[in-house]
Amino acid sequence: MGESSGERARAEAPEVGVVLDTIYGRARVMDVLRLGDEPETVYLRPERGGREWTVSTAQLPSVLRRA
């Protein structure tokens, strides 16, 4: 009765241009890369400068600040 990887609910990618409140500070979504069956990759740019970074949609909830 367990879920297979194909049956698992996928996290939805945020829209390009949205600003997210992450554990590293506020970051704007610059792009979302979709490749086949893999989770999407979200490209983020810090609002106040710094290194751009990426995170998969599967890991995105772990870097978002909780309200």
Protein backbone atom coordinates (compact mmCIF):
# COMPACT_ATOMS: atom_id res chain seq x y z
CA MET A 1 0.00 0.00 0.00
CA GLY A 2 3.07 2.31 -0.02
CA GLU A 3 3.41 5.03 -2.60
CA SER A 4 5.77 4.58 -5.51
CA SER A 5 7.85 7.55 -6.68
CA GLY A 6 5.42 8.05 -9.55
CA GLU A 7 2.45 8.26 -7.18
CA ARG A 8 4.03 10.71 -4.75
CA ALA A 9 2.59 14.22 -4.77
CA ARG A 10 5.05 16.65 -6.30
CA ALA A 11 5.78 20.02 -4.77
CA GLU A 12 4.72 22.78 -7.12
CA ALA A 13 7.35 25.18 -8.41
CA PRO A 14 6.81 28.85 -7.57
CA GLU A 15 6.18 31.34 -10.38
CA VAL A 16 9.14 33.17 -11.89
CA GLY A 17 9.44 36.64 -10.36
CA VAL A 18 8.00 35.72 -6.97
CA VAL A 19 10.03 36.72 -3.90
CA LEU A 20 10.38 33.94 -1.31
CA ASP A 21 11.33 34.33 2.35
CA THR A 22 14.03 31.68 2.82
CA ILE A 23 16.23 30.72 5.74
CA TYR A 24 19.02 32.57 3.86
CA GLY A 25 17.01 35.78 3.39
CA ARG A 26 14.57 37.00 0.76
CA ALA A 27 15.24 35.66 -2.75
CA ARG A 28 13.57 36.17 -6.12
CA VAL A 29 12.73 33.18 -8.34
CA MET A 30 14.65 33.81 -11.57
CA ASP A 31 13.88 30.59 -13.45
CA VAL A 32 12.44 27.11 -13.10
CA LEU A 33 14.09 24.28 -15.04
CA ARG A 34 12.02 21.21 -15.86
CA LEU A 35 13.78 18.06 -17.11
CA GLY A 36 11.77 14.91 -17.67
CA ASP A 37 10.56 13.09 -14.55
CA GLU A 38 12.99 14.84 -12.18
CA PRO A 39 11.73 17.46 -9.72
CA GLU A 40 11.99 20.99 -11.09
CA THR A 41 15.06 23.08 -10.20
CA VAL A 42 14.34 26.58 -8.90
CA TYR A 43 16.96 29.29 -9.54
CA LEU A 44 17.03 31.96 -6.83
CA ARG A 45 18.75 35.37 -6.58
CA PRO A 46 19.10 37.10 -3.21
CA GLU A 47 17.24 40.42 -3.04
CA ARG A 48 20.17 42.29 -1.53
CA GLY A 49 22.96 40.73 -3.55
CA GLY A 50 25.06 37.66 -2.93
CA ARG A 51 25.36 34.29 -4.59
CA GLU A 52 22.60 32.94 -6.74
CA TRP A 53 21.59 29.43 -5.78
CA THR A 54 19.37 26.56 -6.80
CA VAL A 55 17.11 24.15 -5.00
CA SER A 56 14.88 21.34 -6.24
CA THR A 57 11.16 21.66 -5.64
CA ALA A 58 11.44 18.52 -3.50
CA GLN A 59 13.78 20.39 -1.11
CA LEU A 60 12.21 23.85 -1.40
CA PRO A 61 9.93 23.48 1.67
CA SER A 62 13.00 22.85 3.86
CA VAL A 63 14.52 26.27 2.98
CA LEU A 64 11.37 28.37 3.23
CA ARG A 65 10.77 30.32 6.43
CA ARG A 66 7.69 29.28 8.37
CA ALA A 67 5.21 32.04 9.18
